[in-house]
Amino acid sequence: DYLNLALDNGVTPAEISEIVTHLAFYTGWANAMSAVAIASGVFKTRNI
């Protein structure tokens, strides 16, 4: 839900990609991979 809202609010797919990548180092690799699993579905739905 919040990924979709972020895209609607002007956060770009590239910026979301970088946020996930950045947080792998600052909050742990597994947290980033968990986010990837959700973001991939959102990106697919929105044809990103």
ModelCIF file with pLDDT and N, C-alpha, C, O atoms, coordinates in Angstrom:
data_MODEL
#
_entry.id   MODEL 
#
_entity.id                         1 
_entity.type                       polymer 
_entity.pdbx_number_of_molecules   1 
#
_entity_poly.entity_id                      1 
_entity_poly.type                           'polypeptide(L)' 
_entity_poly.nstd_linkage                   no 
_entity_poly.nstd_monomer                   no 
_entity_poly.pdbx_seq_one_letter_code       DYLNLALDNGVTPAEISEIVTHLAFYTGWANAMSAVAIASGVFKTRNI 
_entity_poly.pdbx_seq_one_letter_code_can   DYLNLALDNGVTPAEISEIVTHLAFYTGWANAMSAVAIASGVFKTRNI 
_entity_poly.pdbx_strand_id                 A 
#
loop_
_entity_poly_seq.entity_id 
_entity_poly_seq.num 
_entity_poly_seq.mon_id 
_entity_poly_seq.hetero 
1 1  ASP n 
1 2  TYR n 
1 3  LEU n 
1 4  ASN n 
1 5  LEU n 
1 6  ALA n 
1 7  LEU n 
1 8  ASP n 
1 9  ASN n 
1 10 GLY n 
1 11 VAL n 
1 12 THR n 
1 13 PRO n 
1 14 ALA n 
1 15 GLU n 
1 16 ILE n 
1 17 SER n 
1 18 GLU n 
1 19 ILE n 
1 20 VAL n 
1 21 THR n 
1 22 HIS n 
1 23 LEU n 
1 24 ALA n 
1 25 PHE n 
1 26 TYR n 
1 27 THR n 
1 28 GLY n 
1 29 TRP n 
1 30 ALA n 
1 31 ASN n 
1 32 ALA n 
1 33 MET n 
1 34 SER n 
1 35 ALA n 
1 36 VAL n 
1 37 ALA n 
1 38 ILE n 
1 39 ALA n 
1 40 SER n 
1 41 GLY n 
1 42 VAL n 
1 43 PHE n 
1 44 LYS n 
1 45 THR n 
1 46 ARG n 
1 47 ASN n 
1 48 ILE n 
#
_struct_asym.id          A 
_struct_asym.entity_id   1 
#
loop_
_ma_qa_metric.id 
_ma_qa_metric.mode 
_ma_qa_metric.name 
_ma_qa_metric.software_group_id 
_ma_qa_metric.type 
1 global pLDDT . pLDDT 
2 local  pLDDT . pLDDT 
#
_ma_qa_metric_global.metric_id      1 
_ma_qa_metric_global.metric_value   97.94 
_ma_qa_metric_global.model_id       1 
_ma_qa_metric_global.ordinal_id     1 
#
loop_
_ma_qa_metric_local.label_asym_id 
_ma_qa_metric_local.label_comp_id 
_ma_qa_metric_local.label_seq_id 
_ma_qa_metric_local.metric_id 
_ma_qa_metric_local.metric_value 
_ma_qa_metric_local.model_id 
_ma_qa_metric_local.ordinal_id 
A ASP 1  2 96.00 1 1  
A TYR 2  2 98.00 1 2  
A LEU 3  2 98.00 1 3  
A ASN 4  2 98.00 1 4  
A LEU 5  2 98.00 1 5  
A ALA 6  2 98.00 1 6  
A LEU 7  2 98.00 1 7  
A ASP 8  2 98.00 1 8  
A ASN 9  2 98.00 1 9  
A GLY 10 2 98.00 1 10 
A VAL 11 2 98.00 1 11 
A THR 12 2 98.00 1 12 
A PRO 13 2 98.00 1 13 
A ALA 14 2 98.00 1 14 
A GLU 15 2 98.00 1 15 
A ILE 16 2 98.00 1 16 
A SER 17 2 98.00 1 17 
A GLU 18 2 98.00 1 18 
A ILE 19 2 99.00 1 19 
A VAL 20 2 98.00 1 20 
A THR 21 2 98.00 1 21 
A HIS 22 2 98.00 1 22 
A LEU 23 2 98.00 1 23 
A ALA 24 2 98.00 1 24 
A PHE 25 2 98.00 1 25 
A TYR 26 2 98.00 1 26 
A THR 27 2 98.00 1 27 
A GLY 28 2 98.00 1 28 
A TRP 29 2 98.00 1 29 
A ALA 30 2 98.00 1 30 
A ASN 31 2 98.00 1 31 
A ALA 32 2 98.00 1 32 
A MET 33 2 98.00 1 33 
A SER 34 2 98.00 1 34 
A ALA 35 2 98.00 1 35 
A VAL 36 2 98.00 1 36 
A ALA 37 2 97.00 1 37 
A ILE 38 2 98.00 1 38 
A ALA 39 2 98.00 1 39 
A SER 40 2 98.00 1 40 
A GLY 41 2 97.00 1 41 
A VAL 42 2 98.00 1 42 
A PHE 43 2 98.00 1 43 
A LYS 44 2 98.00 1 44 
A THR 45 2 98.00 1 45 
A ARG 46 2 98.00 1 46 
A ASN 47 2 98.00 1 47 
A ILE 48 2 98.00 1 48 
#
loop_
_atom_site.group_PDB 
_atom_site.id 
_atom_site.type_symbol 
_atom_site.label_atom_id 
_atom_site.label_alt_id 
_atom_site.label_comp_id 
_atom_site.label_asym_id 
_atom_site.label_entity_id 
_atom_site.label_seq_id 
_atom_site.pdbx_PDB_ins_code 
_atom_site.Cartn_x 
_atom_site.Cartn_y 
_atom_site.Cartn_z 
_atom_site.occupancy 
_atom_site.B_iso_or_equiv 
_atom_site.pdbx_formal_charge 
_atom_site.auth_seq_id 
_atom_site.auth_comp_id 
_atom_site.auth_asym_id 
_atom_site.auth_atom_id 
_atom_site.pdbx_PDB_model_num 
ATOM 1   N N  . ASP A 1 1  ? 0.832  -1.205 0.000   1.00 96.00 ? 1  ASP A N  1 
ATOM 2   C CA . ASP A 1 1  ? 0.000  0.000  0.000   1.00 96.00 ? 1  ASP A CA 1 
ATOM 3   C C  . ASP A 1 1  ? 0.866  1.254  0.000   1.00 96.00 ? 1  ASP A C  1 
ATOM 4   O O  . ASP A 1 1  ? 0.604  2.190  -0.755  1.00 96.00 ? 1  ASP A O  1 
ATOM 5   N N  . TYR A 1 2  ? 1.896  1.277  0.842   1.00 98.00 ? 2  TYR A N  1 
ATOM 6   C CA . TYR A 1 2  ? 2.717  2.472  0.972   1.00 98.00 ? 2  TYR A CA 1 
ATOM 7   C C  . TYR A 1 2  ? 3.693  2.641  -0.188  1.00 98.00 ? 2  TYR A C  1 
ATOM 8   O O  . TYR A 1 2  ? 4.109  3.760  -0.488  1.00 98.00 ? 2  TYR A O  1 
ATOM 9   N N  . LEU A 1 3  ? 4.056  1.559  -0.832  1.00 98.00 ? 3  LEU A N  1 
ATOM 10  C CA . LEU A 1 3  ? 4.841  1.672  -2.066  1.00 98.00 ? 3  LEU A CA 1 
ATOM 11  C C  . LEU A 1 3  ? 4.007  2.326  -3.165  1.00 98.00 ? 3  LEU A C  1 
ATOM 12  O O  . LEU A 1 3  ? 4.486  3.199  -3.888  1.00 98.00 ? 3  LEU A O  1 
ATOM 13  N N  . ASN A 1 4  ? 2.759  1.894  -3.278  1.00 98.00 ? 4  ASN A N  1 
ATOM 14  C CA . ASN A 1 4  ? 1.865  2.513  -4.262  1.00 98.00 ? 4  ASN A CA 1 
ATOM 15  C C  . ASN A 1 4  ? 1.630  3.980  -3.944  1.00 98.00 ? 4  ASN A C  1 
ATOM 16  O O  . ASN A 1 4  ? 1.626  4.818  -4.846  1.00 98.00 ? 4  ASN A O  1 
ATOM 17  N N  . LEU A 1 5  ? 1.436  4.295  -2.672  1.00 98.00 ? 5  LEU A N  1 
ATOM 18  C CA . LEU A 1 5  ? 1.246  5.693  -2.278  1.00 98.00 ? 5  LEU A CA 1 
ATOM 19  C C  . LEU A 1 5  ? 2.500  6.513  -2.594  1.00 98.00 ? 5  LEU A C  1 
ATOM 20  O O  . LEU A 1 5  ? 2.400  7.646  -3.066  1.00 98.00 ? 5  LEU A O  1 
ATOM 21  N N  . ALA A 1 6  ? 3.674  5.944  -2.334  1.00 98.00 ? 6  ALA A N  1 
ATOM 22  C CA . ALA A 1 6  ? 4.918  6.645  -2.625  1.00 98.00 ? 6  ALA A CA 1 
ATOM 23  C C  . ALA A 1 6  ? 5.029  6.960  -4.115  1.00 98.00 ? 6  ALA A C  1 
ATOM 24  O O  . ALA A 1 6  ? 5.408  8.070  -4.487  1.00 98.00 ? 6  ALA A O  1 
ATOM 25  N N  . LEU A 1 7  ? 4.705  6.001  -4.956  1.00 98.00 ? 7  LEU A N  1 
ATOM 26  C CA . LEU A 1 7  ? 4.732  6.235  -6.399  1.00 98.00 ? 7  LEU A CA 1 
ATOM 27  C C  . LEU A 1 7  ? 3.735  7.318  -6.791  1.00 98.00 ? 7  LEU A C  1 
ATOM 28  O O  . LEU A 1 7  ? 4.031  8.163  -7.635  1.00 98.00 ? 7  LEU A O  1 
ATOM 29  N N  . ASP A 1 8  ? 2.556  7.294  -6.179  1.00 98.00 ? 8  ASP A N  1 
ATOM 30  C CA . ASP A 1 8  ? 1.557  8.330  -6.446  1.00 98.00 ? 8  ASP A CA 1 
ATOM 31  C C  . ASP A 1 8  ? 2.028  9.698  -5.968  1.00 98.00 ? 8  ASP A C  1 
ATOM 32  O O  . ASP A 1 8  ? 1.667  10.720 -6.551  1.00 98.00 ? 8  ASP A O  1 
ATOM 33  N N  . ASN A 1 9  ? 2.836  9.720  -4.905  1.00 98.00 ? 9  ASN A N  1 
ATOM 34  C CA . ASN A 1 9  ? 3.323  10.975 -4.330  1.00 98.00 ? 9  ASN A CA 1 
ATOM 35  C C  . ASN A 1 9  ? 4.594  11.494 -5.001  1.00 98.00 ? 9  ASN A C  1 
ATOM 36  O O  . ASN A 1 9  ? 5.143  12.513 -4.582  1.00 98.00 ? 9  ASN A O  1 
ATOM 37  N N  . GLY A 1 10 ? 5.060  10.805 -6.031  1.00 98.00 ? 10 GLY A N  1 
ATOM 38  C CA . GLY A 1 10 ? 6.189  11.313 -6.787  1.00 98.00 ? 10 GLY A CA 1 
ATOM 39  C C  . GLY A 1 10 ? 7.530  10.651 -6.529  1.00 98.00 ? 10 GLY A C  1 
ATOM 40  O O  . GLY A 1 10 ? 8.532  11.054 -7.121  1.00 98.00 ? 10 GLY A O  1 
ATOM 41  N N  . VAL A 1 11 ? 7.580  9.650  -5.666  1.00 98.00 ? 11 VAL A N  1 
ATOM 42  C CA . VAL A 1 11 ? 8.811  8.881  -5.502  1.00 98.00 ? 11 VAL A CA 1 
ATOM 43  C C  . VAL A 1 11 ? 8.943  7.975  -6.727  1.00 98.00 ? 11 VAL A C  1 
ATOM 44  O O  . VAL A 1 11 ? 8.016  7.234  -7.052  1.00 98.00 ? 11 VAL A O  1 
ATOM 45  N N  . THR A 1 12 ? 10.065 8.029  -7.391  1.00 98.00 ? 12 THR A N  1 
ATOM 46  C CA . THR A 1 12 ? 10.226 7.279  -8.637  1.00 98.00 ? 12 THR A CA 1 
ATOM 47  C C  . THR A 1 12 ? 10.595 5.822  -8.364  1.00 98.00 ? 12 THR A C  1 
ATOM 48  O O  . THR A 1 12 ? 11.103 5.500  -7.289  1.00 98.00 ? 12 THR A O  1 
ATOM 49  N N  . PRO A 1 13 ? 10.342 4.942  -9.331  1.00 98.00 ? 13 PRO A N  1 
ATOM 50  C CA . PRO A 1 13 ? 10.801 3.553  -9.180  1.00 98.00 ? 13 PRO A CA 1 
ATOM 51  C C  . PRO A 1 13 ? 12.297 3.467  -8.909  1.00 98.00 ? 13 PRO A C  1 
ATOM 52  O O  . PRO A 1 13 ? 12.735 2.650  -8.099  1.00 98.00 ? 13 PRO A O  1 
ATOM 53  N N  . ALA A 1 14 ? 13.088 4.309  -9.582  1.00 98.00 ? 14 ALA A N  1 
ATOM 54  C CA . ALA A 1 14 ? 14.534 4.304  -9.366  1.00 98.00 ? 14 ALA A CA 1 
ATOM 55  C C  . ALA A 1 14 ? 14.864 4.671  -7.925  1.00 98.00 ? 14 ALA A C  1 
ATOM 56  O O  . ALA A 1 14 ? 15.765 4.081  -7.327  1.00 98.00 ? 14 ALA A O  1 
ATOM 57  N N  . GLU A 1 15 ? 14.147 5.634  -7.364  1.00 98.00 ? 15 GLU A N  1 
ATOM 58  C CA . GLU A 1 15 ? 14.396 6.030  -5.977  1.00 98.00 ? 15 GLU A CA 1 
ATOM 59  C C  . GLU A 1 15 ? 13.997 4.929  -5.005  1.00 98.00 ? 15 GLU A C  1 
ATOM 60  O O  . GLU A 1 15 ? 14.684 4.703  -4.009  1.00 98.00 ? 15 GLU A O  1 
ATOM 61  N N  . ILE A 1 16 ? 12.898 4.243  -5.284  1.00 98.00 ? 16 ILE A N  1 
ATOM 62  C CA . ILE A 1 16 ? 12.496 3.116  -4.431  1.00 98.00 ? 16 ILE A CA 1 
ATOM 63  C C  . ILE A 1 16 ? 13.559 2.023  -4.478  1.00 98.00 ? 16 ILE A C  1 
ATOM 64  O O  . ILE A 1 16 ? 13.912 1.450  -3.447  1.00 98.00 ? 16 ILE A O  1 
ATOM 65  N N  . SER A 1 17 ? 14.067 1.736  -5.674  1.00 98.00 ? 17 SER A N  1 
ATOM 66  C CA . SER A 1 17 ? 15.135 0.754  -5.821  1.00 98.00 ? 17 SER A CA 1 
ATOM 67  C C  . SER A 1 17 ? 16.337 1.120  -4.959  1.00 98.00 ? 17 SER A C  1 
ATOM 68  O O  . SER A 1 17 ? 16.913 0.268  -4.282  1.00 98.00 ? 17 SER A O  1 
ATOM 69  N N  . GLU A 1 18 ? 16.711 2.406  -4.995  1.00 98.00 ? 18 GLU A N  1 
ATOM 70  C CA . GLU A 1 18 ? 17.866 2.857  -4.215  1.00 98.00 ? 18 GLU A CA 1 
ATOM 71  C C  . GLU A 1 18 ? 17.585 2.849  -2.719  1.00 98.00 ? 18 GLU A C  1 
ATOM 72  O O  . GLU A 1 18 ? 18.487 2.573  -1.929  1.00 98.00 ? 18 GLU A O  1 
ATOM 73  N N  . ILE A 1 19 ? 16.358 3.146  -2.314  1.00 99.00 ? 19 ILE A N  1 
ATOM 74  C CA . ILE A 1 19 ? 16.001 3.101  -0.892  1.00 99.00 ? 19 ILE A CA 1 
ATOM 75  C C  . ILE A 1 19 ? 16.176 1.685  -0.360  1.00 99.00 ? 19 ILE A C  1 
ATOM 76  O O  . ILE A 1 19 ? 16.757 1.480  0.706   1.00 99.00 ? 19 ILE A O  1 
ATOM 77  N N  . VAL A 1 20 ? 15.671 0.715  -1.106  1.00 98.00 ? 20 VAL A N  1 
ATOM 78  C CA . VAL A 1 20 ? 15.801 -0.685 -0.685  1.00 98.00 ? 20 VAL A CA 1 
ATOM 79  C C  . VAL A 1 20 ? 17.271 -1.088 -0.612  1.00 98.00 ? 20 VAL A C  1 
ATOM 80  O O  . VAL A 1 20 ? 17.702 -1.724 0.349   1.00 98.00 ? 20 VAL A O  1 
ATOM 81  N N  . THR A 1 21 ? 18.032 -0.716 -1.631  1.00 98.00 ? 21 THR A N  1 
ATOM 82  C CA . THR A 1 21 ? 19.457 -1.041 -1.657  1.00 98.00 ? 21 THR A CA 1 
ATOM 83  C C  . THR A 1 21 ? 20.183 -0.413 -0.475  1.00 98.00 ? 21 THR A C  1 
ATOM 84  O O  . THR A 1 21 ? 20.971 -1.071 0.204   1.00 98.00 ? 21 THR A O  1 
ATOM 85  N N  . HIS A 1 22 ? 19.911 0.853  -0.239  1.00 98.00 ? 22 HIS A N  1 
ATOM 86  C CA . HIS A 1 22 ? 20.559 1.572  0.864   1.00 98.00 ? 22 HIS A CA 1 
ATOM 87  C C  . HIS A 1 22 ? 20.251 0.912  2.203   1.00 98.00 ? 22 HIS A C  1 
ATOM 88  O O  . HIS A 1 22 ? 21.137 0.744  3.041   1.00 98.00 ? 22 HIS A O  1 
ATOM 89  N N  . LEU A 1 23 ? 18.999 0.543  2.395   1.00 98.00 ? 23 LEU A N  1 
ATOM 90  C CA . LEU A 1 23 ? 18.604 -0.018 3.686   1.00 98.00 ? 23 LEU A CA 1 
ATOM 91  C C  . LEU A 1 23 ? 19.135 -1.424 3.925   1.00 98.00 ? 23 LEU A C  1 
ATOM 92  O O  . LEU A 1 23 ? 19.130 -1.902 5.059   1.00 98.00 ? 23 LEU A O  1 
ATOM 93  N N  . ALA A 1 24 ? 19.592 -2.089 2.873   1.00 98.00 ? 24 ALA A N  1 
ATOM 94  C CA . ALA A 1 24 ? 20.250 -3.382 3.081   1.00 98.00 ? 24 ALA A CA 1 
ATOM 95  C C  . ALA A 1 24 ? 21.453 -3.223 3.996   1.00 98.00 ? 24 ALA A C  1 
ATOM 96  O O  . ALA A 1 24 ? 21.751 -4.102 4.805   1.00 98.00 ? 24 ALA A O  1 
ATOM 97  N N  . PHE A 1 25 ? 22.144 -2.089 3.862   1.00 98.00 ? 25 PHE A N  1 
ATOM 98  C CA . PHE A 1 25 ? 23.342 -1.842 4.664   1.00 98.00 ? 25 PHE A CA 1 
ATOM 99  C C  . PHE A 1 25 ? 23.024 -1.236 6.021   1.00 98.00 ? 25 PHE A C  1 
ATOM 100 O O  . PHE A 1 25 ? 23.753 -1.460 6.988   1.00 98.00 ? 25 PHE A O  1 
ATOM 101 N N  . TYR A 1 26 ? 21.943 -0.471 6.103   1.00 98.00 ? 26 TYR A N  1 
ATOM 102 C CA . TYR A 1 26 ? 21.656 0.217  7.357   1.00 98.00 ? 26 TYR A CA 1 
ATOM 103 C C  . TYR A 1 26 ? 20.635 -0.499 8.232   1.00 98.00 ? 26 TYR A C  1 
ATOM 104 O O  . TYR A 1 26 ? 20.489 -0.154 9.404   1.00 98.00 ? 26 TYR A O  1 
ATOM 105 N N  . THR A 1 27 ? 19.930 -1.481 7.695   1.00 98.00 ? 27 THR A N  1 
ATOM 106 C CA . THR A 1 27 ? 18.980 -2.228 8.535   1.00 98.00 ? 27 THR A CA 1 
ATOM 107 C C  . THR A 1 27 ? 19.081 -3.739 8.337   1.00 98.00 ? 27 THR A C  1 
ATOM 108 O O  . THR A 1 27 ? 18.351 -4.495 8.978   1.00 98.00 ? 27 THR A O  1 
ATOM 109 N N  . GLY A 1 28 ? 19.978 -4.185 7.456   1.00 98.00 ? 28 GLY A N  1 
ATOM 110 C CA . GLY A 1 28 ? 20.181 -5.620 7.289   1.00 98.00 ? 28 GLY A CA 1 
ATOM 111 C C  . GLY A 1 28 ? 19.723 -6.140 5.940   1.00 98.00 ? 28 GLY A C  1 
ATOM 112 O O  . GLY A 1 28 ? 18.707 -5.711 5.394   1.00 98.00 ? 28 GLY A O  1 
ATOM 113 N N  . TRP A 1 29 ? 20.500 -7.077 5.419   1.00 98.00 ? 29 TRP A N  1 
ATOM 114 C CA . TRP A 1 29 ? 20.252 -7.656 4.097   1.00 98.00 ? 29 TRP A CA 1 
ATOM 115 C C  . TRP A 1 29 ? 18.871 -8.296 4.009   1.00 98.00 ? 29 TRP A C  1 
ATOM 116 O O  . TRP A 1 29 ? 18.168 -8.118 3.015   1.00 98.00 ? 29 TRP A O  1 
ATOM 117 N N  . ALA A 1 30 ? 18.475 -9.043 5.049   1.00 98.00 ? 30 ALA A N  1 
ATOM 118 C CA . ALA A 1 30 ? 17.196 -9.766 5.003   1.00 98.00 ? 30 ALA A CA 1 
ATOM 119 C C  . ALA A 1 30 ? 16.013 -8.812 4.937   1.00 98.00 ? 30 ALA A C  1 
ATOM 120 O O  . ALA A 1 30 ? 15.024 -9.107 4.267   1.00 98.00 ? 30 ALA A O  1 
ATOM 121 N N  . ASN A 1 31 ? 16.094 -7.674 5.618   1.00 98.00 ? 31 ASN A N  1 
ATOM 122 C CA . ASN A 1 31 ? 15.010 -6.696 5.547   1.00 98.00 ? 31 ASN A CA 1 
ATOM 123 C C  . ASN A 1 31 ? 14.847 -6.176 4.125   1.00 98.00 ? 31 ASN A C  1 
ATOM 124 O O  . ASN A 1 31 ? 13.727 -6.008 3.643   1.00 98.00 ? 31 ASN A O  1 
ATOM 125 N N  . ALA A 1 32 ? 15.961 -5.925 3.461   1.00 98.00 ? 32 ALA A N  1 
ATOM 126 C CA . ALA A 1 32 ? 15.897 -5.459 2.081   1.00 98.00 ? 32 ALA A CA 1 
ATOM 127 C C  . ALA A 1 32 ? 15.295 -6.523 1.168   1.00 98.00 ? 32 ALA A C  1 
ATOM 128 O O  . ALA A 1 32 ? 14.484 -6.211 0.296   1.00 98.00 ? 32 ALA A O  1 
ATOM 129 N N  . MET A 1 33 ? 15.689 -7.770 1.367   1.00 98.00 ? 33 MET A N  1 
ATOM 130 C CA . MET A 1 33 ? 15.156 -8.841 0.531   1.00 98.00 ? 33 MET A CA 1 
ATOM 131 C C  . MET A 1 33 ? 13.658 -9.044 0.771   1.00 98.00 ? 33 MET A C  1 
ATOM 132 O O  . MET A 1 33 ? 12.920 -9.380 -0.155  1.00 98.00 ? 33 MET A O  1 
ATOM 133 N N  . SER A 1 34 ? 13.211 -8.842 2.008   1.00 98.00 ? 34 SER A N  1 
ATOM 134 C CA . SER A 1 34 ? 11.778 -8.927 2.288   1.00 98.00 ? 34 SER A CA 1 
ATOM 135 C C  . SER A 1 34 ? 11.030 -7.824 1.554   1.00 98.00 ? 34 SER A C  1 
ATOM 136 O O  . SER A 1 34 ? 9.924  -8.039 1.056   1.00 98.00 ? 34 SER A O  1 
ATOM 137 N N  . ALA A 1 35 ? 11.638 -6.639 1.487   1.00 98.00 ? 35 ALA A N  1 
ATOM 138 C CA . ALA A 1 35 ? 11.025 -5.531 0.758   1.00 98.00 ? 35 ALA A CA 1 
ATOM 139 C C  . ALA A 1 35 ? 11.002 -5.802 -0.737  1.00 98.00 ? 35 ALA A C  1 
ATOM 140 O O  . ALA A 1 35 ? 10.043 -5.443 -1.420  1.00 98.00 ? 35 ALA A O  1 
ATOM 141 N N  . VAL A 1 36 ? 12.056 -6.435 -1.252  1.00 98.00 ? 36 VAL A N  1 
ATOM 142 C CA . VAL A 1 36 ? 12.112 -6.786 -2.670  1.00 98.00 ? 36 VAL A CA 1 
ATOM 143 C C  . VAL A 1 36 ? 10.924 -7.665 -3.055  1.00 98.00 ? 36 VAL A C  1 
ATOM 144 O O  . VAL A 1 36 ? 10.328 -7.474 -4.116  1.00 98.00 ? 36 VAL A O  1 
ATOM 145 N N  . ALA A 1 37 ? 10.581 -8.620 -2.205  1.00 97.00 ? 37 ALA A N  1 
ATOM 146 C CA . ALA A 1 37 ? 9.477  -9.542 -2.506  1.00 97.00 ? 37 ALA A CA 1 
ATOM 147 C C  . ALA A 1 37 ? 8.163  -8.797 -2.687  1.00 97.00 ? 37 ALA A C  1 
ATOM 148 O O  . ALA A 1 37 ? 7.340  -9.183 -3.517  1.00 97.00 ? 37 ALA A O  1 
ATOM 149 N N  . ILE A 1 38 ? 7.959  -7.731 -1.915  1.00 98.00 ? 38 ILE A N  1 
ATOM 150 C CA . ILE A 1 38 ? 6.731  -6.948 -2.035  1.00 98.00 ? 38 ILE A CA 1 
ATOM 151 C C  . ILE A 1 38 ? 6.841  -5.968 -3.200  1.00 98.00 ? 38 ILE A C  1 
ATOM 152 O O  . ILE A 1 38 ? 5.911  -5.842 -3.997  1.00 98.00 ? 38 ILE A O  1 
ATOM 153 N N  . ALA A 1 39 ? 7.965  -5.281 -3.299  1.00 98.00 ? 39 ALA A N  1 
ATOM 154 C CA . ALA A 1 39 ? 8.139  -4.270 -4.348  1.00 98.00 ? 39 ALA A CA 1 
ATOM 155 C C  . ALA A 1 39 ? 8.049  -4.876 -5.743  1.00 98.00 ? 39 ALA A C  1 
ATOM 156 O O  . ALA A 1 39 ? 7.536  -4.239 -6.663  1.00 98.00 ? 39 ALA A O  1 
ATOM 157 N N  . SER A 1 40 ? 8.535  -6.081 -5.904  1.00 98.00 ? 40 SER A N  1 
ATOM 158 C CA . SER A 1 40 ? 8.495  -6.706 -7.225  1.00 98.00 ? 40 SER A CA 1 
ATOM 159 C C  . SER A 1 40 ? 7.061  -6.881 -7.711  1.00 98.00 ? 40 SER A C  1 
ATOM 160 O O  . SER A 1 40 ? 6.772  -6.704 -8.895  1.00 98.00 ? 40 SER A O  1 
ATOM 161 N N  . GLY A 1 41 ? 6.152  -7.236 -6.778  1.00 97.00 ? 41 GLY A N  1 
ATOM 162 C CA . GLY A 1 41 ? 4.744  -7.367 -7.139  1.00 97.00 ? 41 GLY A CA 1 
ATOM 163 C C  . GLY A 1 41 ? 4.123  -6.034 -7.508  1.00 97.00 ? 41 GLY A C  1 
ATOM 164 O O  . GLY A 1 41 ? 3.355  -5.937 -8.465  1.00 97.00 ? 41 GLY A O  1 
ATOM 165 N N  . VAL A 1 42 ? 4.464  -4.998 -6.732  1.00 98.00 ? 42 VAL A N  1 
ATOM 166 C CA . VAL A 1 42 ? 3.953  -3.656 -7.030  1.00 98.00 ? 42 VAL A CA 1 
ATOM 167 C C  . VAL A 1 42 ? 4.464  -3.173 -8.380  1.00 98.00 ? 42 VAL A C  1 
ATOM 168 O O  . VAL A 1 42 ? 3.705  -2.633 -9.184  1.00 98.00 ? 42 VAL A O  1 
ATOM 169 N N  . PHE A 1 43 ? 5.752  -3.369 -8.622  1.00 98.00 ? 43 PHE A N  1 
ATOM 170 C CA . PHE A 1 43 ? 6.332  -2.946 -9.902  1.00 98.00 ? 43 PHE A CA 1 
ATOM 171 C C  . PHE A 1 43 ? 5.678  -3.677 -11.069 1.00 98.00 ? 43 PHE A C  1 
ATOM 172 O O  . PHE A 1 43 ? 5.405  -3.077 -12.108 1.00 98.00 ? 43 PHE A O  1 
ATOM 173 N N  . LYS A 1 44 ? 5.431  -4.952 -10.899 1.00 98.00 ? 44 LYS A N  1 
ATOM 174 C CA . LYS A 1 44 ? 4.815  -5.736 -11.972 1.00 98.00 ? 44 LYS A CA 1 
ATOM 175 C C  . LYS A 1 44 ? 3.413  -5.224 -12.273 1.00 98.00 ? 44 LYS A C  1 
ATOM 176 O O  . LYS A 1 44 ? 3.028  -5.069 -13.432 1.00 98.00 ? 44 LYS A O  1 
ATOM 177 N N  . THR A 1 45 ? 2.653  -4.962 -11.200 1.00 98.00 ? 45 THR A N  1 
ATOM 178 C CA . THR A 1 45 ? 1.282  -4.479 -11.371 1.00 98.00 ? 45 THR A CA 1 
ATOM 179 C C  . THR A 1 45 ? 1.243  -3.138 -12.097 1.00 98.00 ? 45 THR A C  1 
ATOM 180 O O  . THR A 1 45 ? 0.332  -2.874 -12.881 1.00 98.00 ? 45 THR A O  1 
ATOM 181 N N  . ARG A 1 46 ? 2.241  -2.294 -11.827 1.00 98.00 ? 46 ARG A N  1 
ATOM 182 C CA . ARG A 1 46 ? 2.264  -0.950 -12.420 1.00 98.00 ? 46 ARG A CA 1 
ATOM 183 C C  . ARG A 1 46 ? 3.111  -0.888 -13.691 1.00 98.00 ? 46 ARG A C  1 
ATOM 184 O O  . ARG A 1 46 ? 3.410  0.194  -14.195 1.00 98.00 ? 46 ARG A O  1 
ATOM 185 N N  . ASN A 1 47 ? 3.495  -2.059 -14.204 1.00 98.00 ? 47 ASN A N  1 
ATOM 186 C CA . ASN A 1 47 ? 4.277  -2.149 -15.450 1.00 98.00 ? 47 ASN A CA 1 
ATOM 187 C C  . ASN A 1 47 ? 5.579  -1.353 -15.375 1.00 98.00 ? 47 ASN A C  1 
ATOM 188 O O  . ASN A 1 47 ? 5.966  -0.677 -16.328 1.00 98.00 ? 47 ASN A O  1 
ATOM 189 N N  . ILE A 1 48 ? 6.235  -1.445 -14.239 1.00 98.00 ? 48 ILE A N  1 
ATOM 190 C CA . ILE A 1 48 ? 7.534  -0.803 -14.057 1.00 98.00 ? 48 ILE A CA 1 
ATOM 191 C C  . ILE A 1 48 ? 8.613  -1.811 -14.426 1.00 98.00 ? 48 ILE A C  1 
ATOM 192 O O  . ILE A 1 48 ? 9.801  -1.497 -14.352 1.00 98.00 ? 48 ILE A O  1 
#
